[in-house]
Amino acid sequence: MDIHITARPGHRQGILHFGGESFPCALGRSGIVIDKREGDGGTPVGSFALRELFFRPDRLTKPATALASKPIAPDDGWCDAPEDLAYNRPVRLPYPASAETLWREDHLYDLIVPLGYNDDPVKPGAGSAIFFHLAKDDGDGLAATEGCVALRLTDMLHVLARITPETRMTVELASAA
């Protein structure tokens, strides 16, 4: 059973469809994009493996899921420097090139599932750190991400409990109608 994400062109919020259920989800600030580039704020179109689950152990216990899971630590990061050999890979902080901190003050990365986007092989500049993570509600709905797909905590826990290592996430544009 796969996950399907749909959104109208230019929209920062979409719908995650899984197992006969639908959940509102946050997308990149540029919406869904066909030609993803580093820093463009777009969520890439495509079908992606769900690599593994990272969770923040000081805030949550390991959730029920069939995915391989591991806790994150304060020195965990993700390289987003296209010219670096570790681009779109996990790194230890401090790191000499630009890298995103996974141990955040907000709760967005309390649960992170890296998507199998631009990782086999990695193409410099094609986008990095495309995750399935927790959403922030900004009062007008779910706040846009930098290119990831994000759900509310209760919805994320529900989906994680039902996915398998074979589950894929497909991101596509919905018809404008």
N, C-alpha and C. Protein backbone atom coordinates (compact mmCIF):
# COMPACT_ATOMS: atom_id res chain seq x y z
N MET A 1 0.85 -1.17 0.00
CA MET A 1 0.00 0.00 0.00
C MET A 1 0.90 1.24 0.00
N ASP A 2 0.74 2.09 -0.99
CA ASP A 2 1.58 3.27 -1.15
C ASP A 2 0.87 4.53 -0.68
N ILE A 3 1.65 5.55 -0.46
CA ILE A 3 1.17 6.88 -0.08
C ILE A 3 1.13 7.73 -1.34
N HIS A 4 0.05 8.47 -1.52
CA HIS A 4 -0.08 9.37 -2.67
C HIS A 4 -0.33 10.78 -2.15
N ILE A 5 0.46 11.72 -2.65
CA ILE A 5 0.34 13.13 -2.28
C ILE A 5 -0.14 13.88 -3.52
N THR A 6 -1.20 14.65 -3.37
CA THR A 6 -1.68 15.48 -4.48
C THR A 6 -1.86 16.91 -4.01
N ALA A 7 -1.65 17.82 -4.94
CA ALA A 7 -1.90 19.25 -4.68
C ALA A 7 -2.09 19.94 -6.02
N ARG A 8 -2.86 21.00 -6.00
CA ARG A 8 -3.01 21.81 -7.20
C ARG A 8 -1.72 22.60 -7.44
N PRO A 9 -1.44 22.95 -8.68
CA PRO A 9 -0.22 23.71 -8.98
C PRO A 9 -0.11 24.97 -8.12
N GLY A 10 1.08 25.18 -7.56
CA GLY A 10 1.35 26.38 -6.77
C GLY A 10 0.87 26.32 -5.33
N HIS A 11 0.16 25.28 -4.94
CA HIS A 11 -0.37 25.20 -3.58
C HIS A 11 0.65 24.63 -2.62
N ARG A 12 0.69 25.20 -1.41
CA ARG A 12 1.63 24.79 -0.38
C ARG A 12 1.06 23.73 0.53
N GLN A 13 -0.21 23.44 0.36
CA GLN A 13 -0.84 22.38 1.13
C GLN A 13 -1.42 21.37 0.16
N GLY A 14 -1.35 20.12 0.55
CA GLY A 14 -1.87 19.06 -0.28
C GLY A 14 -2.66 18.08 0.54
N ILE A 15 -2.95 16.95 -0.07
CA ILE A 15 -3.67 15.87 0.60
C ILE A 15 -2.81 14.62 0.49
N LEU A 16 -2.60 13.95 1.62
CA LEU A 16 -1.91 12.67 1.66
C LEU A 16 -2.98 11.59 1.70
N HIS A 17 -2.96 10.70 0.73
CA HIS A 17 -3.91 9.60 0.63
C HIS A 17 -3.17 8.30 0.97
N PHE A 18 -3.73 7.54 1.92
CA PHE A 18 -3.08 6.30 2.32
C PHE A 18 -4.11 5.36 2.94
N GLY A 19 -4.19 4.16 2.40
CA GLY A 19 -5.07 3.14 2.98
C GLY A 19 -6.52 3.54 3.07
N GLY A 20 -7.03 4.25 2.09
CA GLY A 20 -8.43 4.67 2.10
C GLY A 20 -8.71 5.88 2.97
N GLU A 21 -7.69 6.49 3.54
CA GLU A 21 -7.85 7.68 4.36
C GLU A 21 -7.11 8.84 3.72
N SER A 22 -7.50 10.06 4.09
CA SER A 22 -6.86 11.26 3.57
C SER A 22 -6.53 12.20 4.71
N PHE A 23 -5.36 12.83 4.62
CA PHE A 23 -4.88 13.74 5.65
C PHE A 23 -4.35 15.01 5.00
N PRO A 24 -4.60 16.18 5.58
CA PRO A 24 -3.97 17.39 5.05
C PRO A 24 -2.47 17.32 5.30
N CYS A 25 -1.69 17.78 4.32
CA CYS A 25 -0.24 17.78 4.49
C CYS A 25 0.33 19.11 4.00
N ALA A 26 1.47 19.46 4.56
CA ALA A 26 2.19 20.65 4.12
C ALA A 26 3.20 20.25 3.06
N LEU A 27 3.40 21.14 2.10
CA LEU A 27 4.36 20.94 1.02
C LEU A 27 5.32 22.12 1.01
N GLY A 28 6.26 22.10 0.09
CA GLY A 28 7.22 23.19 -0.03
C GLY A 28 6.55 24.52 -0.32
N ARG A 29 7.21 25.60 0.03
CA ARG A 29 6.66 26.95 -0.17
C ARG A 29 6.41 27.26 -1.64
N SER A 30 7.06 26.54 -2.55
CA SER A 30 6.83 26.71 -3.99
C SER A 30 5.87 25.67 -4.55
N GLY A 31 5.28 24.86 -3.67
CA GLY A 31 4.38 23.80 -4.12
C GLY A 31 5.15 22.63 -4.70
N ILE A 32 4.47 21.84 -5.51
CA ILE A 32 5.09 20.68 -6.16
C ILE A 32 5.78 21.15 -7.43
N VAL A 33 7.04 20.71 -7.60
CA VAL A 33 7.83 21.12 -8.76
C VAL A 33 8.30 19.90 -9.55
N ILE A 34 8.39 20.08 -10.86
CA ILE A 34 8.84 18.99 -11.73
C ILE A 34 10.36 18.94 -11.81
N ASP A 35 11.02 20.09 -11.82
CA ASP A 35 12.47 20.17 -11.93
C ASP A 35 13.05 20.74 -10.65
N LYS A 36 13.21 19.90 -9.64
CA LYS A 36 13.68 20.31 -8.31
C LYS A 36 15.12 20.78 -8.37
N ARG A 37 15.41 21.92 -7.69
CA ARG A 37 16.76 22.46 -7.57
C ARG A 37 16.99 22.82 -6.10
N GLU A 38 18.23 22.77 -5.67
CA GLU A 38 18.58 23.12 -4.29
C GLU A 38 18.09 24.53 -3.96
N GLY A 39 17.35 24.65 -2.84
CA GLY A 39 16.92 25.94 -2.35
C GLY A 39 15.68 26.53 -3.01
N ASP A 40 15.05 25.81 -3.96
CA ASP A 40 13.89 26.38 -4.66
C ASP A 40 12.59 26.32 -3.85
N GLY A 41 12.59 25.59 -2.72
CA GLY A 41 11.39 25.51 -1.89
C GLY A 41 10.31 24.62 -2.45
N GLY A 42 10.64 23.82 -3.46
CA GLY A 42 9.65 22.95 -4.08
C GLY A 42 9.71 21.52 -3.57
N THR A 43 8.55 20.88 -3.53
CA THR A 43 8.46 19.45 -3.24
C THR A 43 8.52 18.73 -4.57
N PRO A 44 9.48 17.81 -4.74
CA PRO A 44 9.65 17.18 -6.05
C PRO A 44 8.56 16.18 -6.42
N VAL A 45 8.20 16.18 -7.71
CA VAL A 45 7.31 15.16 -8.27
C VAL A 45 8.08 13.86 -8.34
N GLY A 46 7.41 12.74 -8.10
CA GLY A 46 8.06 11.45 -8.27
C GLY A 46 7.54 10.42 -7.29
N SER A 47 8.13 9.23 -7.36
CA SER A 47 7.81 8.13 -6.46
C SER A 47 9.07 7.79 -5.68
N PHE A 48 8.98 7.83 -4.36
CA PHE A 48 10.15 7.74 -3.52
C PHE A 48 10.02 6.67 -2.44
N ALA A 49 11.11 5.95 -2.20
CA ALA A 49 11.17 5.00 -1.09
C ALA A 49 11.18 5.79 0.22
N LEU A 50 10.71 5.17 1.27
CA LEU A 50 10.80 5.73 2.62
C LEU A 50 11.99 5.04 3.26
N ARG A 51 13.11 5.75 3.40
CA ARG A 51 14.39 5.13 3.76
C ARG A 51 14.43 4.53 5.16
N GLU A 52 14.10 5.31 6.17
CA GLU A 52 14.12 4.87 7.57
C GLU A 52 13.51 5.98 8.41
N LEU A 53 13.28 5.69 9.66
CA LEU A 53 12.71 6.69 10.58
C LEU A 53 13.77 7.14 11.56
N PHE A 54 13.94 8.46 11.67
CA PHE A 54 14.73 9.05 12.74
C PHE A 54 13.75 9.68 13.72
N PHE A 55 14.01 9.51 15.02
CA PHE A 55 13.11 10.12 16.01
C PHE A 55 13.94 10.76 17.12
N ARG A 56 13.35 11.77 17.74
CA ARG A 56 14.05 12.49 18.81
C ARG A 56 13.67 11.85 20.15
N PRO A 57 14.58 11.08 20.76
CA PRO A 57 14.23 10.26 21.92
C PRO A 57 13.94 11.04 23.20
N ASP A 58 14.35 12.30 23.29
CA ASP A 58 14.03 13.07 24.49
C ASP A 58 12.61 13.63 24.45
N ARG A 59 11.95 13.52 23.28
CA ARG A 59 10.59 14.04 23.14
C ARG A 59 9.55 12.96 22.85
N LEU A 60 9.97 11.89 22.18
CA LEU A 60 9.04 10.82 21.81
C LEU A 60 9.69 9.46 22.01
N THR A 61 8.88 8.49 22.37
CA THR A 61 9.40 7.13 22.34
C THR A 61 9.37 6.65 20.89
N LYS A 62 10.12 5.62 20.60
CA LYS A 62 10.16 5.09 19.24
C LYS A 62 8.73 4.73 18.83
N PRO A 63 8.24 5.32 17.74
CA PRO A 63 6.87 5.02 17.32
C PRO A 63 6.73 3.61 16.74
N ALA A 64 5.53 3.12 16.75
CA ALA A 64 5.24 1.84 16.11
C ALA A 64 5.38 2.02 14.60
N THR A 65 6.27 1.25 13.99
CA THR A 65 6.45 1.29 12.54
C THR A 65 7.28 0.09 12.13
N ALA A 66 7.10 -0.35 10.89
CA ALA A 66 7.91 -1.43 10.35
C ALA A 66 9.20 -0.91 9.72
N LEU A 67 9.36 0.43 9.65
CA LEU A 67 10.60 0.99 9.11
C LEU A 67 11.74 0.81 10.10
N ALA A 68 12.95 0.65 9.58
CA ALA A 68 14.12 0.70 10.44
C ALA A 68 14.11 2.06 11.13
N SER A 69 14.43 2.09 12.41
CA SER A 69 14.33 3.33 13.19
C SER A 69 15.58 3.54 14.02
N LYS A 70 15.95 4.82 14.16
CA LYS A 70 17.06 5.13 15.06
C LYS A 70 16.88 6.52 15.62
N PRO A 71 17.37 6.70 16.86
CA PRO A 71 17.26 8.02 17.49
C PRO A 71 18.25 9.00 16.88
N ILE A 72 17.88 10.28 16.87
CA ILE A 72 18.82 11.31 16.46
C ILE A 72 19.49 11.86 17.71
N ALA A 73 20.64 12.50 17.50
CA ALA A 73 21.41 13.09 18.58
C ALA A 73 21.65 14.56 18.27
N PRO A 74 22.06 15.35 19.28
CA PRO A 74 22.28 16.78 19.06
C PRO A 74 23.30 17.12 17.97
N ASP A 75 24.20 16.21 17.65
CA ASP A 75 25.20 16.51 16.63
C ASP A 75 24.85 15.93 15.26
N ASP A 76 23.61 15.52 15.05
CA ASP A 76 23.19 14.99 13.74
C ASP A 76 22.82 16.14 12.81
N GLY A 77 23.28 16.04 11.58
CA GLY A 77 22.97 17.03 10.55
C GLY A 77 22.77 16.35 9.21
N TRP A 78 22.45 17.16 8.19
CA TRP A 78 22.23 16.66 6.83
C TRP A 78 22.86 17.68 5.89
N CYS A 79 23.84 17.24 5.11
CA CYS A 79 24.59 18.16 4.25
C CYS A 79 23.72 18.67 3.10
N ASP A 80 23.69 20.01 2.95
CA ASP A 80 22.92 20.62 1.86
C ASP A 80 23.81 21.49 0.97
N ALA A 81 25.11 21.22 0.99
CA ALA A 81 26.08 21.96 0.17
C ALA A 81 26.36 21.16 -1.11
N PRO A 82 25.82 21.61 -2.27
CA PRO A 82 25.95 20.83 -3.50
C PRO A 82 27.39 20.48 -3.89
N GLU A 83 28.35 21.31 -3.52
CA GLU A 83 29.74 21.06 -3.91
C GLU A 83 30.45 20.07 -2.99
N ASP A 84 29.82 19.67 -1.88
CA ASP A 84 30.45 18.79 -0.90
C ASP A 84 30.23 17.32 -1.24
N LEU A 85 31.20 16.47 -0.94
CA LEU A 85 31.09 15.03 -1.20
C LEU A 85 29.97 14.37 -0.40
N ALA A 86 29.59 14.97 0.74
CA ALA A 86 28.52 14.41 1.57
C ALA A 86 27.15 15.00 1.24
N TYR A 87 27.04 15.71 0.12
CA TYR A 87 25.77 16.34 -0.26
C TYR A 87 24.62 15.33 -0.21
N ASN A 88 23.54 15.76 0.41
CA ASN A 88 22.31 14.97 0.61
C ASN A 88 22.57 13.68 1.38
N ARG A 89 23.45 13.77 2.35
CA ARG A 89 23.77 12.64 3.22
C ARG A 89 23.81 13.14 4.68
N PRO A 90 23.57 12.21 5.62
CA PRO A 90 23.71 12.59 7.03
C PRO A 90 25.17 12.87 7.36
N VAL A 91 25.39 13.84 8.26
CA VAL A 91 26.72 14.22 8.71
C VAL A 91 26.68 14.49 10.22
N ARG A 92 27.86 14.57 10.82
CA ARG A 92 27.99 14.96 12.23
C ARG A 92 28.34 16.44 12.29
N LEU A 93 27.70 17.15 13.19
CA LEU A 93 27.94 18.58 13.36
C LEU A 93 28.93 18.81 14.50
N PRO A 94 29.73 19.84 14.45
CA PRO A 94 29.81 20.79 13.35
C PRO A 94 30.44 20.14 12.12
N TYR A 95 29.97 20.60 10.95
CA TYR A 95 30.45 20.06 9.68
C TYR A 95 31.05 21.23 8.89
N PRO A 96 32.14 21.01 8.17
CA PRO A 96 32.81 22.13 7.49
C PRO A 96 32.01 22.77 6.35
N ALA A 97 31.06 22.06 5.77
CA ALA A 97 30.21 22.62 4.72
C ALA A 97 28.82 22.89 5.29
N SER A 98 27.96 23.52 4.52
CA SER A 98 26.60 23.82 4.96
C SER A 98 25.85 22.52 5.26
N ALA A 99 25.20 22.50 6.41
CA ALA A 99 24.44 21.31 6.81
C ALA A 99 23.27 21.74 7.69
N GLU A 100 22.16 21.08 7.48
CA GLU A 100 20.96 21.34 8.27
C GLU A 100 21.06 20.60 9.59
N THR A 101 20.66 21.24 10.69
CA THR A 101 20.65 20.62 12.01
C THR A 101 19.36 19.80 12.16
N LEU A 102 19.49 18.54 12.53
CA LEU A 102 18.30 17.70 12.71
C LEU A 102 17.71 17.83 14.11
N TRP A 103 18.53 18.16 15.10
CA TRP A 103 18.08 18.34 16.49
C TRP A 103 17.65 19.80 16.64
N ARG A 104 16.36 20.05 16.43
CA ARG A 104 15.84 21.41 16.36
C ARG A 104 15.09 21.81 17.63
N GLU A 105 15.00 23.12 17.85
CA GLU A 105 14.23 23.64 18.99
C GLU A 105 12.73 23.41 18.77
N ASP A 106 12.27 23.61 17.52
CA ASP A 106 10.85 23.35 17.24
C ASP A 106 10.67 21.82 17.16
N HIS A 107 9.48 21.38 16.87
CA HIS A 107 9.19 19.95 16.87
C HIS A 107 9.14 19.33 15.47
N LEU A 108 9.49 20.10 14.44
CA LEU A 108 9.33 19.61 13.06
C LEU A 108 10.09 18.32 12.79
N TYR A 109 11.27 18.20 13.38
CA TYR A 109 12.10 17.02 13.12
C TYR A 109 12.10 16.02 14.28
N ASP A 110 11.08 16.06 15.12
CA ASP A 110 10.98 15.03 16.16
C ASP A 110 10.79 13.66 15.52
N LEU A 111 10.20 13.63 14.33
CA LEU A 111 10.08 12.42 13.50
C LEU A 111 10.49 12.81 12.08
N ILE A 112 11.43 12.08 11.50
CA ILE A 112 11.91 12.36 10.15
C ILE A 112 12.06 11.05 9.39
N VAL A 113 11.49 11.01 8.19
CA VAL A 113 11.71 9.89 7.27
C VAL A 113 12.34 10.46 6.00
N PRO A 114 13.65 10.26 5.79
CA PRO A 114 14.24 10.71 4.53
C PRO A 114 13.60 9.98 3.36
N LEU A 115 13.23 10.75 2.34
CA LEU A 115 12.67 10.15 1.13
C LEU A 115 13.81 9.77 0.19
N GLY A 116 13.59 8.74 -0.59
CA GLY A 116 14.59 8.30 -1.55
C GLY A 116 14.64 9.23 -2.75
N TYR A 117 14.93 10.48 -2.50
CA TYR A 117 15.02 11.49 -3.56
C TYR A 117 16.47 11.93 -3.70
N ASN A 118 16.98 11.94 -4.90
CA ASN A 118 18.34 12.38 -5.22
C ASN A 118 19.39 11.73 -4.32
N ASP A 119 19.25 10.43 -4.11
CA ASP A 119 20.24 9.76 -3.26
C ASP A 119 20.86 8.52 -3.90
N ASP A 120 20.44 8.15 -5.11
CA ASP A 120 20.98 6.95 -5.73
C ASP A 120 20.91 7.04 -7.25
N PRO A 121 21.85 7.76 -7.86
CA PRO A 121 22.98 8.50 -7.28
C PRO A 121 22.58 9.92 -6.90
N VAL A 122 23.46 10.55 -6.13
CA VAL A 122 23.27 11.95 -5.76
C VAL A 122 23.74 12.82 -6.91
N LYS A 123 22.89 13.79 -7.29
CA LYS A 123 23.25 14.77 -8.32
C LYS A 123 23.40 16.13 -7.65
N PRO A 124 24.62 16.70 -7.66
CA PRO A 124 24.82 18.00 -7.02
C PRO A 124 23.84 19.06 -7.53
N GLY A 125 23.20 19.76 -6.58
CA GLY A 125 22.29 20.85 -6.92
C GLY A 125 20.86 20.44 -7.20
N ALA A 126 20.58 19.13 -7.23
CA ALA A 126 19.23 18.67 -7.56
C ALA A 126 18.29 18.64 -6.35
N GLY A 127 18.76 19.06 -5.20
CA GLY A 127 17.92 19.10 -4.00
C GLY A 127 18.38 18.11 -2.96
N SER A 128 18.25 18.52 -1.70
CA SER A 128 18.69 17.69 -0.58
C SER A 128 17.71 17.78 0.57
N ALA A 129 17.86 16.85 1.50
CA ALA A 129 17.07 16.86 2.74
C ALA A 129 15.57 16.90 2.46
N ILE A 130 15.12 16.06 1.53
CA ILE A 130 13.69 15.97 1.26
C ILE A 130 13.14 14.89 2.20
N PHE A 131 12.43 15.36 3.22
CA PHE A 131 11.97 14.50 4.30
C PHE A 131 10.44 14.45 4.36
N PHE A 132 9.96 13.42 5.03
CA PHE A 132 8.59 13.28 5.49
C PHE A 132 8.71 13.56 6.99
N HIS A 133 8.16 14.68 7.47
CA HIS A 133 8.36 15.07 8.86
C HIS A 133 7.10 15.70 9.43
N LEU A 134 7.21 16.25 10.63
CA LEU A 134 6.06 16.84 11.31
C LEU A 134 5.78 18.25 10.81
N ALA A 135 4.50 18.60 10.79
CA ALA A 135 4.05 19.90 10.29
C ALA A 135 3.87 20.88 11.44
N LYS A 136 3.95 22.14 11.08
CA LYS A 136 3.65 23.23 12.00
C LYS A 136 2.34 23.86 11.55
N ASP A 137 1.43 24.04 12.48
CA ASP A 137 0.18 24.72 12.18
C ASP A 137 0.40 26.21 12.41
N ASP A 138 0.23 27.03 11.37
CA ASP A 138 0.50 28.46 11.49
C ASP A 138 -0.75 29.30 11.70
N GLY A 139 -1.86 28.67 12.03
CA GLY A 139 -3.10 29.41 12.25
C GLY A 139 -3.98 29.48 11.01
N ASP A 140 -3.36 29.42 9.83
CA ASP A 140 -4.09 29.40 8.55
C ASP A 140 -4.02 28.01 7.92
N GLY A 141 -3.68 27.04 8.72
CA GLY A 141 -3.48 25.68 8.20
C GLY A 141 -2.05 25.26 8.47
N LEU A 142 -1.56 24.31 7.70
CA LEU A 142 -0.21 23.81 7.89
C LEU A 142 0.79 24.72 7.18
N ALA A 143 1.83 25.09 7.89
CA ALA A 143 2.85 25.98 7.34
C ALA A 143 3.66 25.26 6.27
N ALA A 144 4.02 25.99 5.23
CA ALA A 144 4.83 25.44 4.13
C ALA A 144 6.18 24.96 4.65
N THR A 145 6.74 23.98 3.97
CA THR A 145 8.06 23.45 4.28
C THR A 145 9.08 24.04 3.30
N GLU A 146 10.30 23.58 3.38
CA GLU A 146 11.35 24.00 2.42
C GLU A 146 11.39 23.07 1.21
N GLY A 147 10.46 22.11 1.14
CA GLY A 147 10.42 21.17 0.02
C GLY A 147 10.02 19.77 0.46
N CYS A 148 9.75 19.63 1.74
CA CYS A 148 9.38 18.33 2.30
C CYS A 148 7.86 18.13 2.29
N VAL A 149 7.45 16.96 2.77
CA VAL A 149 6.04 16.65 3.01
C VAL A 149 5.89 16.51 4.52
N ALA A 150 4.90 17.19 5.11
CA ALA A 150 4.77 17.19 6.56
C ALA A 150 3.32 16.96 6.98
N LEU A 151 3.17 16.22 8.07
CA LEU A 151 1.86 15.90 8.66
C LEU A 151 1.82 16.33 10.12
N ARG A 152 0.60 16.51 10.63
CA ARG A 152 0.41 16.70 12.08
C ARG A 152 0.86 15.42 12.79
N LEU A 153 1.28 15.56 14.04
CA LEU A 153 1.82 14.43 14.81
C LEU A 153 0.87 13.24 14.85
N THR A 154 -0.40 13.45 15.18
CA THR A 154 -1.33 12.31 15.28
C THR A 154 -1.47 11.59 13.93
N ASP A 155 -1.52 12.35 12.84
CA ASP A 155 -1.63 11.74 11.52
C ASP A 155 -0.35 11.00 11.15
N MET A 156 0.79 11.58 11.48
CA MET A 156 2.08 10.94 11.19
C MET A 156 2.20 9.61 11.93
N LEU A 157 1.85 9.60 13.20
CA LEU A 157 1.92 8.35 13.97
C LEU A 157 0.99 7.29 13.38
N HIS A 158 -0.19 7.69 12.95
CA HIS A 158 -1.14 6.77 12.33
C HIS A 158 -0.57 6.16 11.05
N VAL A 159 0.01 6.99 10.20
CA VAL A 159 0.59 6.52 8.94
C VAL A 159 1.82 5.65 9.21
N LEU A 160 2.70 6.09 10.10
CA LEU A 160 3.91 5.31 10.40
C LEU A 160 3.57 3.90 10.88
N ALA A 161 2.51 3.77 11.65
CA ALA A 161 2.13 2.45 12.18
C ALA A 161 1.65 1.50 11.09
N ARG A 162 1.29 2.02 9.92
CA ARG A 162 0.71 1.17 8.87
C ARG A 162 1.62 0.98 7.66
N ILE A 163 2.69 1.74 7.54
CA ILE A 163 3.56 1.59 6.37
C ILE A 163 4.51 0.41 6.56
N THR A 164 5.11 -0.01 5.47
CA THR A 164 6.09 -1.09 5.48
C THR A 164 7.36 -0.58 4.79
N PRO A 165 8.44 -1.34 4.86
CA PRO A 165 9.65 -0.92 4.13
C PRO A 165 9.44 -0.86 2.62
N GLU A 166 8.41 -1.50 2.10
CA GLU A 166 8.12 -1.46 0.66
C GLU A 166 7.23 -0.29 0.26
N THR A 167 6.65 0.41 1.23
CA THR A 167 5.78 1.55 0.93
C THR A 167 6.56 2.63 0.22
N ARG A 168 5.96 3.21 -0.80
CA ARG A 168 6.55 4.33 -1.53
C ARG A 168 5.64 5.54 -1.38
N MET A 169 6.23 6.72 -1.47
CA MET A 169 5.46 7.96 -1.48
C MET A 169 5.51 8.54 -2.88
N THR A 170 4.34 8.70 -3.48
CA THR A 170 4.24 9.28 -4.82
C THR A 170 3.67 10.69 -4.69
N VAL A 171 4.39 11.65 -5.24
CA VAL A 171 4.00 13.06 -5.20
C VAL A 171 3.63 13.47 -6.63
N GLU A 172 2.41 13.99 -6.80
CA GLU A 172 1.96 14.38 -8.13
C GLU A 172 1.05 15.59 -8.06
N LEU A 173 1.01 16.32 -9.16
CA LEU A 173 0.10 17.45 -9.27
C LEU A 173 -1.33 16.96 -9.53
N ALA A 174 -2.27 17.55 -8.83
CA ALA A 174 -3.68 17.24 -9.06
C ALA A 174 -4.16 18.12 -10.23
N SER A 175 -5.25 17.74 -10.81
CA SER A 175 -5.80 18.57 -11.88
C SER A 175 -6.26 19.89 -11.28
N ALA A 176 -6.22 20.94 -12.06
CA ALA A 176 -6.58 22.28 -11.59
C ALA A 176 -8.08 22.43 -11.32
N ALA A 177 -8.87 21.50 -11.76
CA ALA A 177 -10.31 21.60 -11.61
C ALA A 177 -10.77 21.35 -10.19
